[in-house]
Amino acid sequence: MSLTKSKFKFKVPNTYLLIFSLLVLIAALTWIIPGGEYERSIVNGREIVVQNSFKYIDNNPQGIFALFIAPLKGFEEAALIIGFVLIVGGAFNVLAKTDAINSLINKLAKAHKNSPLLRRMFIPILMLLFSLGGATFGMNEEIIPFVLILVPICLGLGYDSIIGV
């Protein structure tokens, strides 16, 4: 018996094809799954769902036109985040071209080796800063550009790349 390699090699489809396939599936499900809603009320300034208030409503099936408009609506609703990520990405590119990031990594690595306090406090300080950002002004997607700087810093300090993420 000889071991032969399988001729079929799995290849992940294009990302746009996957997203479009999900859109088609979800649009098709709007024709199948009945619509429903809960009543909501404002209590102490917060909107909450009224218990046992579910009721079926008329279906609103999505057609082909809505299928092609959905990505545009998504871009419109996320325009501020997209703009922020592009601007911060450009700023990080300027930092990378001026070699400021490498200089910062080298200085932090040198201080990290010489100071046991910094070695113990580096990760908790980062966690505290990003937690405060998330709790006070909703810094969620805005963290993505910081991965570009934190992963090289963590690798330079001897940590794993997962810690930088």
N, C-alpha and C. Protein backbone atom coordinates (compact mmCIF):
# COMPACT_ATOMS: atom_id res chain seq x y z
N MET A 1 0.82 -1.18 0.00
CA MET A 1 0.00 0.00 0.00
C MET A 1 0.86 1.25 0.00
N SER A 2 0.55 2.15 -0.85
CA SER A 2 1.32 3.39 -0.89
C SER A 2 0.44 4.54 -0.43
N LEU A 3 1.09 5.44 0.23
CA LEU A 3 0.37 6.62 0.68
C LEU A 3 0.36 7.65 -0.44
N THR A 4 -0.81 8.06 -0.82
CA THR A 4 -0.92 9.07 -1.87
C THR A 4 -1.58 10.31 -1.30
N LYS A 5 -1.16 11.41 -1.81
CA LYS A 5 -1.77 12.67 -1.36
C LYS A 5 -3.10 12.85 -2.06
N SER A 6 -4.02 13.40 -1.33
CA SER A 6 -5.32 13.68 -1.90
C SER A 6 -5.19 14.80 -2.93
N LYS A 7 -5.89 14.66 -4.04
CA LYS A 7 -5.83 15.69 -5.07
C LYS A 7 -6.66 16.91 -4.68
N PHE A 8 -7.62 16.71 -3.79
CA PHE A 8 -8.45 17.83 -3.36
C PHE A 8 -7.74 18.58 -2.23
N LYS A 9 -7.49 19.83 -2.46
CA LYS A 9 -6.87 20.66 -1.44
C LYS A 9 -7.84 21.80 -1.12
N PHE A 10 -8.25 21.87 0.13
CA PHE A 10 -9.22 22.89 0.53
C PHE A 10 -8.59 24.27 0.46
N LYS A 11 -9.30 25.17 -0.17
CA LYS A 11 -8.85 26.55 -0.27
C LYS A 11 -9.98 27.44 0.22
N VAL A 12 -9.67 28.33 1.13
CA VAL A 12 -10.68 29.23 1.67
C VAL A 12 -11.14 30.16 0.56
N PRO A 13 -12.47 30.30 0.38
CA PRO A 13 -12.96 31.20 -0.66
C PRO A 13 -12.63 32.66 -0.34
N ASN A 14 -12.79 33.49 -1.33
CA ASN A 14 -12.56 34.92 -1.18
C ASN A 14 -13.45 35.48 -0.07
N THR A 15 -12.94 36.44 0.68
CA THR A 15 -13.69 37.03 1.79
C THR A 15 -14.97 37.68 1.31
N TYR A 16 -14.90 38.37 0.18
CA TYR A 16 -16.10 39.03 -0.35
C TYR A 16 -17.17 38.01 -0.72
N LEU A 17 -16.75 36.87 -1.23
CA LEU A 17 -17.70 35.81 -1.56
C LEU A 17 -18.36 35.28 -0.29
N LEU A 18 -17.59 35.10 0.77
CA LEU A 18 -18.17 34.63 2.04
C LEU A 18 -19.18 35.64 2.59
N ILE A 19 -18.83 36.91 2.58
CA ILE A 19 -19.74 37.94 3.10
C ILE A 19 -21.00 38.01 2.25
N PHE A 20 -20.85 37.98 0.93
CA PHE A 20 -22.02 38.03 0.05
C PHE A 20 -22.89 36.80 0.24
N SER A 21 -22.29 35.63 0.43
CA SER A 21 -23.06 34.41 0.68
C SER A 21 -23.87 34.52 1.97
N LEU A 22 -23.26 35.10 3.01
CA LEU A 22 -24.00 35.31 4.26
C LEU A 22 -25.16 36.28 4.05
N LEU A 23 -24.94 37.34 3.28
CA LEU A 23 -26.02 38.28 2.99
C LEU A 23 -27.17 37.60 2.26
N VAL A 24 -26.85 36.76 1.28
CA VAL A 24 -27.89 36.04 0.53
C VAL A 24 -28.65 35.10 1.47
N LEU A 25 -27.93 34.38 2.32
CA LEU A 25 -28.58 33.46 3.26
C LEU A 25 -29.51 34.22 4.21
N ILE A 26 -29.04 35.33 4.75
CA ILE A 26 -29.86 36.09 5.69
C ILE A 26 -31.07 36.69 4.99
N ALA A 27 -30.90 37.19 3.76
CA ALA A 27 -32.03 37.73 3.01
C ALA A 27 -33.05 36.63 2.72
N ALA A 28 -32.58 35.42 2.41
CA ALA A 28 -33.50 34.30 2.16
C ALA A 28 -34.25 33.92 3.44
N LEU A 29 -33.58 34.00 4.58
CA LEU A 29 -34.24 33.66 5.84
C LEU A 29 -35.34 34.65 6.20
N THR A 30 -35.28 35.89 5.68
CA THR A 30 -36.36 36.84 5.97
C THR A 30 -37.66 36.43 5.29
N TRP A 31 -37.58 35.57 4.28
CA TRP A 31 -38.78 35.06 3.63
C TRP A 31 -39.35 33.85 4.37
N ILE A 32 -38.53 33.20 5.21
CA ILE A 32 -38.93 31.95 5.87
C ILE A 32 -39.31 32.18 7.33
N ILE A 33 -38.46 32.86 8.08
CA ILE A 33 -38.66 33.04 9.52
C ILE A 33 -39.66 34.16 9.76
N PRO A 34 -40.70 33.91 10.56
CA PRO A 34 -41.68 34.96 10.82
C PRO A 34 -41.09 36.08 11.68
N GLY A 35 -41.59 37.29 11.45
CA GLY A 35 -41.10 38.44 12.21
C GLY A 35 -41.78 38.53 13.57
N GLY A 36 -41.10 39.13 14.51
CA GLY A 36 -41.66 39.31 15.84
C GLY A 36 -40.94 40.43 16.56
N GLU A 37 -41.58 40.92 17.62
CA GLU A 37 -40.96 41.99 18.39
C GLU A 37 -41.43 41.94 19.84
N TYR A 38 -40.67 42.57 20.70
CA TYR A 38 -41.01 42.73 22.11
C TYR A 38 -41.36 44.19 22.35
N GLU A 39 -42.26 44.42 23.29
CA GLU A 39 -42.52 45.79 23.71
C GLU A 39 -41.37 46.23 24.60
N ARG A 40 -41.07 47.50 24.56
CA ARG A 40 -39.97 48.05 25.36
C ARG A 40 -40.48 49.23 26.16
N SER A 41 -39.86 49.43 27.31
CA SER A 41 -40.22 50.59 28.13
C SER A 41 -38.95 51.19 28.72
N ILE A 42 -39.05 52.46 29.08
CA ILE A 42 -37.92 53.18 29.67
C ILE A 42 -38.06 53.13 31.19
N VAL A 43 -37.05 52.57 31.86
CA VAL A 43 -37.03 52.50 33.32
C VAL A 43 -35.69 53.06 33.78
N ASN A 44 -35.74 54.10 34.59
CA ASN A 44 -34.53 54.75 35.11
C ASN A 44 -33.57 55.17 33.99
N GLY A 45 -34.14 55.65 32.88
CA GLY A 45 -33.31 56.12 31.78
C GLY A 45 -32.76 55.03 30.88
N ARG A 46 -33.14 53.78 31.14
CA ARG A 46 -32.67 52.66 30.31
C ARG A 46 -33.85 51.99 29.63
N GLU A 47 -33.66 51.61 28.38
CA GLU A 47 -34.70 50.90 27.65
C GLU A 47 -34.60 49.42 27.96
N ILE A 48 -35.69 48.84 28.47
CA ILE A 48 -35.70 47.42 28.81
C ILE A 48 -36.87 46.74 28.10
N VAL A 49 -36.76 45.42 27.95
CA VAL A 49 -37.80 44.63 27.30
C VAL A 49 -38.85 44.26 28.34
N VAL A 50 -40.12 44.43 27.97
CA VAL A 50 -41.23 44.07 28.85
C VAL A 50 -41.39 42.55 28.80
N GLN A 51 -41.44 41.95 29.98
CA GLN A 51 -41.51 40.49 30.08
C GLN A 51 -42.82 39.97 29.49
N ASN A 52 -42.75 38.84 28.77
CA ASN A 52 -43.90 38.16 28.15
C ASN A 52 -44.66 39.07 27.20
N SER A 53 -43.97 39.93 26.48
CA SER A 53 -44.65 40.86 25.57
C SER A 53 -44.38 40.53 24.10
N PHE A 54 -43.82 39.36 23.80
CA PHE A 54 -43.51 39.02 22.41
C PHE A 54 -44.78 38.87 21.61
N LYS A 55 -44.76 39.41 20.39
CA LYS A 55 -45.89 39.23 19.47
C LYS A 55 -45.34 39.17 18.05
N TYR A 56 -46.03 38.40 17.21
CA TYR A 56 -45.64 38.30 15.81
C TYR A 56 -46.12 39.54 15.07
N ILE A 57 -45.32 39.96 14.11
CA ILE A 57 -45.67 41.11 13.27
C ILE A 57 -45.61 40.68 11.81
N ASP A 58 -46.07 41.55 10.93
CA ASP A 58 -46.03 41.24 9.50
C ASP A 58 -44.58 41.06 9.06
N ASN A 59 -44.38 40.06 8.21
CA ASN A 59 -43.04 39.82 7.68
C ASN A 59 -42.59 40.99 6.81
N ASN A 60 -41.31 41.23 6.81
CA ASN A 60 -40.71 42.25 5.95
C ASN A 60 -39.59 41.60 5.15
N PRO A 61 -39.97 40.73 4.18
CA PRO A 61 -38.93 40.01 3.44
C PRO A 61 -38.07 40.96 2.61
N GLN A 62 -36.79 40.66 2.57
CA GLN A 62 -35.84 41.50 1.86
C GLN A 62 -35.61 40.95 0.46
N GLY A 63 -35.62 41.85 -0.51
CA GLY A 63 -35.43 41.45 -1.90
C GLY A 63 -33.99 41.65 -2.35
N ILE A 64 -33.82 41.55 -3.66
CA ILE A 64 -32.48 41.68 -4.24
C ILE A 64 -31.93 43.08 -4.04
N PHE A 65 -32.79 44.10 -4.17
CA PHE A 65 -32.33 45.47 -4.01
C PHE A 65 -31.76 45.69 -2.61
N ALA A 66 -32.46 45.19 -1.59
CA ALA A 66 -31.99 45.34 -0.20
C ALA A 66 -30.68 44.59 0.02
N LEU A 67 -30.49 43.51 -0.72
CA LEU A 67 -29.26 42.73 -0.61
C LEU A 67 -28.04 43.54 -1.03
N PHE A 68 -28.20 44.36 -2.06
CA PHE A 68 -27.07 45.16 -2.52
C PHE A 68 -26.93 46.48 -1.77
N ILE A 69 -27.99 46.93 -1.11
CA ILE A 69 -27.93 48.17 -0.34
C ILE A 69 -27.37 47.93 1.06
N ALA A 70 -27.48 46.71 1.59
CA ALA A 70 -27.05 46.41 2.96
C ALA A 70 -25.59 46.78 3.23
N PRO A 71 -24.63 46.45 2.36
CA PRO A 71 -23.24 46.85 2.65
C PRO A 71 -23.07 48.36 2.69
N LEU A 72 -23.79 49.08 1.84
CA LEU A 72 -23.69 50.55 1.83
C LEU A 72 -24.23 51.13 3.13
N LYS A 73 -25.34 50.58 3.62
CA LYS A 73 -25.87 51.04 4.91
C LYS A 73 -24.89 50.73 6.04
N GLY A 74 -24.24 49.57 5.96
CA GLY A 74 -23.25 49.22 6.97
C GLY A 74 -22.07 50.17 6.97
N PHE A 75 -21.60 50.54 5.77
CA PHE A 75 -20.51 51.52 5.68
C PHE A 75 -20.94 52.87 6.23
N GLU A 76 -22.19 53.24 5.95
CA GLU A 76 -22.69 54.53 6.43
C GLU A 76 -22.74 54.57 7.96
N GLU A 77 -23.21 53.48 8.57
CA GLU A 77 -23.31 53.45 10.02
C GLU A 77 -21.95 53.34 10.70
N ALA A 78 -20.97 52.77 10.02
CA ALA A 78 -19.64 52.60 10.61
C ALA A 78 -18.63 53.60 10.07
N ALA A 79 -19.10 54.68 9.45
CA ALA A 79 -18.19 55.63 8.80
C ALA A 79 -17.21 56.26 9.78
N LEU A 80 -17.65 56.58 10.98
CA LEU A 80 -16.75 57.20 11.95
C LEU A 80 -15.63 56.24 12.36
N ILE A 81 -15.98 54.99 12.57
CA ILE A 81 -14.97 54.01 12.97
C ILE A 81 -14.00 53.75 11.81
N ILE A 82 -14.54 53.64 10.60
CA ILE A 82 -13.68 53.41 9.43
C ILE A 82 -12.71 54.58 9.25
N GLY A 83 -13.22 55.80 9.37
CA GLY A 83 -12.36 56.98 9.26
C GLY A 83 -11.30 57.01 10.33
N PHE A 84 -11.70 56.69 11.56
CA PHE A 84 -10.74 56.69 12.67
C PHE A 84 -9.63 55.67 12.43
N VAL A 85 -10.00 54.47 12.01
CA VAL A 85 -8.99 53.44 11.77
C VAL A 85 -8.05 53.85 10.64
N LEU A 86 -8.58 54.48 9.59
CA LEU A 86 -7.72 54.93 8.49
C LEU A 86 -6.76 56.03 8.94
N ILE A 87 -7.25 56.98 9.73
CA ILE A 87 -6.39 58.08 10.19
C ILE A 87 -5.31 57.56 11.13
N VAL A 88 -5.69 56.72 12.08
CA VAL A 88 -4.70 56.18 13.02
C VAL A 88 -3.72 55.27 12.29
N GLY A 89 -4.20 54.50 11.31
CA GLY A 89 -3.30 53.67 10.52
C GLY A 89 -2.29 54.52 9.76
N GLY A 90 -2.73 55.66 9.23
CA GLY A 90 -1.81 56.58 8.56
C GLY A 90 -0.79 57.16 9.52
N ALA A 91 -1.26 57.50 10.74
CA ALA A 91 -0.33 58.03 11.75
C ALA A 91 0.71 56.98 12.13
N PHE A 92 0.29 55.72 12.26
CA PHE A 92 1.25 54.66 12.58
C PHE A 92 2.22 54.44 11.43
N ASN A 93 1.76 54.65 10.20
CA ASN A 93 2.67 54.53 9.05
C ASN A 93 3.74 55.62 9.11
N VAL A 94 3.35 56.83 9.50
CA VAL A 94 4.33 57.91 9.66
C VAL A 94 5.33 57.54 10.75
N LEU A 95 4.82 57.00 11.86
CA LEU A 95 5.72 56.58 12.95
C LEU A 95 6.68 55.48 12.49
N ALA A 96 6.17 54.57 11.68
CA ALA A 96 7.03 53.48 11.20
C ALA A 96 8.09 53.99 10.23
N LYS A 97 7.71 54.93 9.36
CA LYS A 97 8.67 55.46 8.39
C LYS A 97 9.76 56.30 9.06
N THR A 98 9.43 56.95 10.18
CA THR A 98 10.43 57.76 10.89
C THR A 98 11.22 56.94 11.89
N ASP A 99 10.94 55.65 11.96
CA ASP A 99 11.65 54.73 12.84
C ASP A 99 11.39 55.01 14.33
N ALA A 100 10.30 55.72 14.63
CA ALA A 100 9.97 56.03 16.01
C ALA A 100 9.52 54.78 16.77
N ILE A 101 8.82 53.88 16.09
CA ILE A 101 8.32 52.67 16.76
C ILE A 101 9.50 51.79 17.18
N ASN A 102 10.46 51.60 16.28
CA ASN A 102 11.63 50.77 16.63
C ASN A 102 12.42 51.38 17.77
N SER A 103 12.54 52.69 17.78
CA SER A 103 13.24 53.37 18.87
C SER A 103 12.51 53.15 20.19
N LEU A 104 11.18 53.27 20.16
CA LEU A 104 10.38 53.04 21.37
C LEU A 104 10.53 51.59 21.85
N ILE A 105 10.49 50.65 20.93
CA ILE A 105 10.63 49.24 21.30
C ILE A 105 11.99 48.99 21.94
N ASN A 106 13.05 49.54 21.36
CA ASN A 106 14.39 49.35 21.91
C ASN A 106 14.53 49.96 23.30
N LYS A 107 13.99 51.17 23.50
CA LYS A 107 14.07 51.82 24.82
C LYS A 107 13.26 51.05 25.86
N LEU A 108 12.06 50.58 25.47
CA LEU A 108 11.25 49.81 26.40
C LEU A 108 11.91 48.47 26.74
N ALA A 109 12.50 47.83 25.74
CA ALA A 109 13.16 46.55 26.00
C ALA A 109 14.34 46.73 26.94
N LYS A 110 15.09 47.81 26.77
CA LYS A 110 16.23 48.08 27.65
C LYS A 110 15.76 48.38 29.07
N ALA A 111 14.71 49.20 29.20
CA ALA A 111 14.17 49.51 30.53
C ALA A 111 13.53 48.27 31.16
N HIS A 112 12.93 47.44 30.32
CA HIS A 112 12.27 46.22 30.80
C HIS A 112 13.28 45.25 31.39
N LYS A 113 14.47 45.16 30.79
CA LYS A 113 15.50 44.25 31.30
C LYS A 113 16.10 44.78 32.60
N ASN A 114 16.19 46.09 32.74
CA ASN A 114 16.83 46.69 33.91
C ASN A 114 15.90 46.88 35.10
N SER A 115 14.59 46.88 34.87
CA SER A 115 13.66 47.20 35.95
C SER A 115 12.68 46.05 36.21
N PRO A 116 12.80 45.38 37.36
CA PRO A 116 11.83 44.32 37.68
C PRO A 116 10.42 44.87 37.89
N LEU A 117 10.32 46.12 38.37
CA LEU A 117 9.01 46.73 38.58
C LEU A 117 8.29 46.91 37.25
N LEU A 118 8.99 47.43 36.26
CA LEU A 118 8.39 47.60 34.93
C LEU A 118 8.02 46.24 34.34
N ARG A 119 8.83 45.24 34.58
CA ARG A 119 8.55 43.90 34.06
C ARG A 119 7.24 43.38 34.64
N ARG A 120 7.00 43.64 35.93
CA ARG A 120 5.77 43.16 36.58
C ARG A 120 4.57 44.03 36.23
N MET A 121 4.77 45.32 35.98
CA MET A 121 3.66 46.24 35.84
C MET A 121 3.28 46.57 34.40
N PHE A 122 4.05 46.14 33.41
CA PHE A 122 3.79 46.51 32.02
C PHE A 122 2.40 46.06 31.56
N ILE A 123 2.10 44.79 31.72
CA ILE A 123 0.82 44.26 31.25
C ILE A 123 -0.35 44.81 32.07
N PRO A 124 -0.28 44.86 33.42
CA PRO A 124 -1.41 45.45 34.16
C PRO A 124 -1.67 46.91 33.80
N ILE A 125 -0.61 47.68 33.53
CA ILE A 125 -0.81 49.09 33.15
C ILE A 125 -1.53 49.17 31.80
N LEU A 126 -1.10 48.36 30.83
CA LEU A 126 -1.79 48.36 29.54
C LEU A 126 -3.24 47.93 29.69
N MET A 127 -3.48 46.90 30.49
CA MET A 127 -4.85 46.44 30.70
C MET A 127 -5.70 47.54 31.34
N LEU A 128 -5.13 48.24 32.32
CA LEU A 128 -5.85 49.32 32.99
C LEU A 128 -6.19 50.45 32.01
N LEU A 129 -5.22 50.86 31.20
CA LEU A 129 -5.45 51.95 30.26
C LEU A 129 -6.54 51.60 29.24
N PHE A 130 -6.46 50.42 28.65
CA PHE A 130 -7.45 50.04 27.66
C PHE A 130 -8.81 49.74 28.30
N SER A 131 -8.83 49.25 29.52
CA SER A 131 -10.10 49.04 30.23
C SER A 131 -10.78 50.36 30.53
N LEU A 132 -9.99 51.35 30.97
CA LEU A 132 -10.55 52.68 31.22
C LEU A 132 -11.10 53.29 29.93
N GLY A 133 -10.37 53.10 28.84
CA GLY A 133 -10.86 53.60 27.55
C GLY A 133 -12.16 52.94 27.14
N GLY A 134 -12.28 51.64 27.37
CA GLY A 134 -13.50 50.93 27.02
C GLY A 134 -14.66 51.29 27.93
N ALA A 135 -14.39 51.53 29.21
CA ALA A 135 -15.45 51.82 30.16
C ALA A 135 -15.93 53.26 30.09
N THR A 136 -15.03 54.20 29.79
CA THR A 136 -15.42 55.60 29.85
C THR A 136 -15.97 56.13 28.53
N PHE A 137 -15.32 55.85 27.42
CA PHE A 137 -15.83 56.40 26.17
C PHE A 137 -16.04 55.35 25.09
N GLY A 138 -16.22 54.11 25.47
CA GLY A 138 -16.61 53.06 24.53
C GLY A 138 -15.56 52.73 23.49
N MET A 139 -14.30 52.64 23.90
CA MET A 139 -13.22 52.34 22.97
C MET A 139 -13.23 50.83 22.69
N ASN A 140 -13.89 50.43 21.62
CA ASN A 140 -13.96 49.01 21.26
C ASN A 140 -13.18 48.74 19.98
N GLU A 141 -13.77 49.12 18.85
CA GLU A 141 -13.09 48.90 17.57
C GLU A 141 -11.87 49.79 17.43
N GLU A 142 -11.82 50.86 18.20
CA GLU A 142 -10.71 51.80 18.10
C GLU A 142 -9.40 51.20 18.59
N ILE A 143 -9.45 50.05 19.25
CA ILE A 143 -8.24 49.40 19.75
C ILE A 143 -7.46 48.74 18.61
N ILE A 144 -8.14 48.43 17.51
CA ILE A 144 -7.51 47.69 16.42
C ILE A 144 -6.19 48.30 15.95
N PRO A 145 -6.10 49.62 15.71
CA PRO A 145 -4.81 50.15 15.25
C PRO A 145 -3.68 50.01 16.28
N PHE A 146 -4.02 49.94 17.56
CA PHE A 146 -2.98 49.81 18.57
C PHE A 146 -2.29 48.46 18.53
N VAL A 147 -2.93 47.48 17.90
CA VAL A 147 -2.29 46.17 17.74
C VAL A 147 -1.01 46.31 16.92
N LEU A 148 -1.03 47.25 15.97
CA LEU A 148 0.15 47.46 15.11
C LEU A 148 1.38 47.87 15.91
N ILE A 149 1.18 48.52 17.04
CA ILE A 149 2.32 48.96 17.84
C ILE A 149 2.56 48.03 19.03
N LEU A 150 1.49 47.45 19.59
CA LEU A 150 1.66 46.63 20.79
C LEU A 150 2.28 45.26 20.49
N VAL A 151 1.98 44.67 19.35
CA VAL A 151 2.57 43.36 19.04
C VAL A 151 4.09 43.46 18.90
N PRO A 152 4.64 44.42 18.14
CA PRO A 152 6.11 44.51 18.10
C PRO A 152 6.73 44.85 19.46
N ILE A 153 6.04 45.68 20.25
CA ILE A 153 6.57 46.01 21.58
C ILE A 153 6.63 44.76 22.45
N CYS A 154 5.55 43.98 22.46
CA CYS A 154 5.53 42.76 23.28
C CYS A 154 6.56 41.74 22.80
N LEU A 155 6.73 41.62 21.49
CA LEU A 155 7.76 40.72 20.98
C LEU A 155 9.15 41.20 21.38
N GLY A 156 9.36 42.52 21.34
CA GLY A 156 10.65 43.07 21.74
C GLY A 156 10.94 42.90 23.22
N LEU A 157 9.87 42.83 24.02
CA LEU A 157 10.04 42.65 25.46
C LEU A 157 10.13 41.18 25.85
N GLY A 158 10.00 40.29 24.87
CA GLY A 158 10.12 38.87 25.16
C GLY A 158 8.80 38.18 25.43
N TYR A 159 7.68 38.88 25.24
CA TYR A 159 6.38 38.26 25.43
C TYR A 159 5.92 37.63 24.12
N ASP A 160 4.81 36.92 24.19
CA ASP A 160 4.21 36.30 23.02
C ASP A 160 3.41 37.36 22.25
N SER A 161 3.17 37.12 20.95
CA SER A 161 2.40 38.08 20.16
C SER A 161 0.94 38.14 20.60
N ILE A 162 0.43 37.08 21.21
CA ILE A 162 -0.95 37.07 21.70
C ILE A 162 -1.13 38.11 22.80
N ILE A 163 -0.12 38.34 23.60
CA ILE A 163 -0.20 39.34 24.66
C ILE A 163 -0.36 40.73 24.04
N GLY A 164 0.29 40.97 22.90
CA GLY A 164 0.15 42.25 22.22
C GLY A 164 -1.23 42.47 21.67
N VAL A 165 -1.91 41.39 21.32
CA VAL A 165 -3.26 41.52 20.79
C VAL A 165 -4.22 41.72 21.94
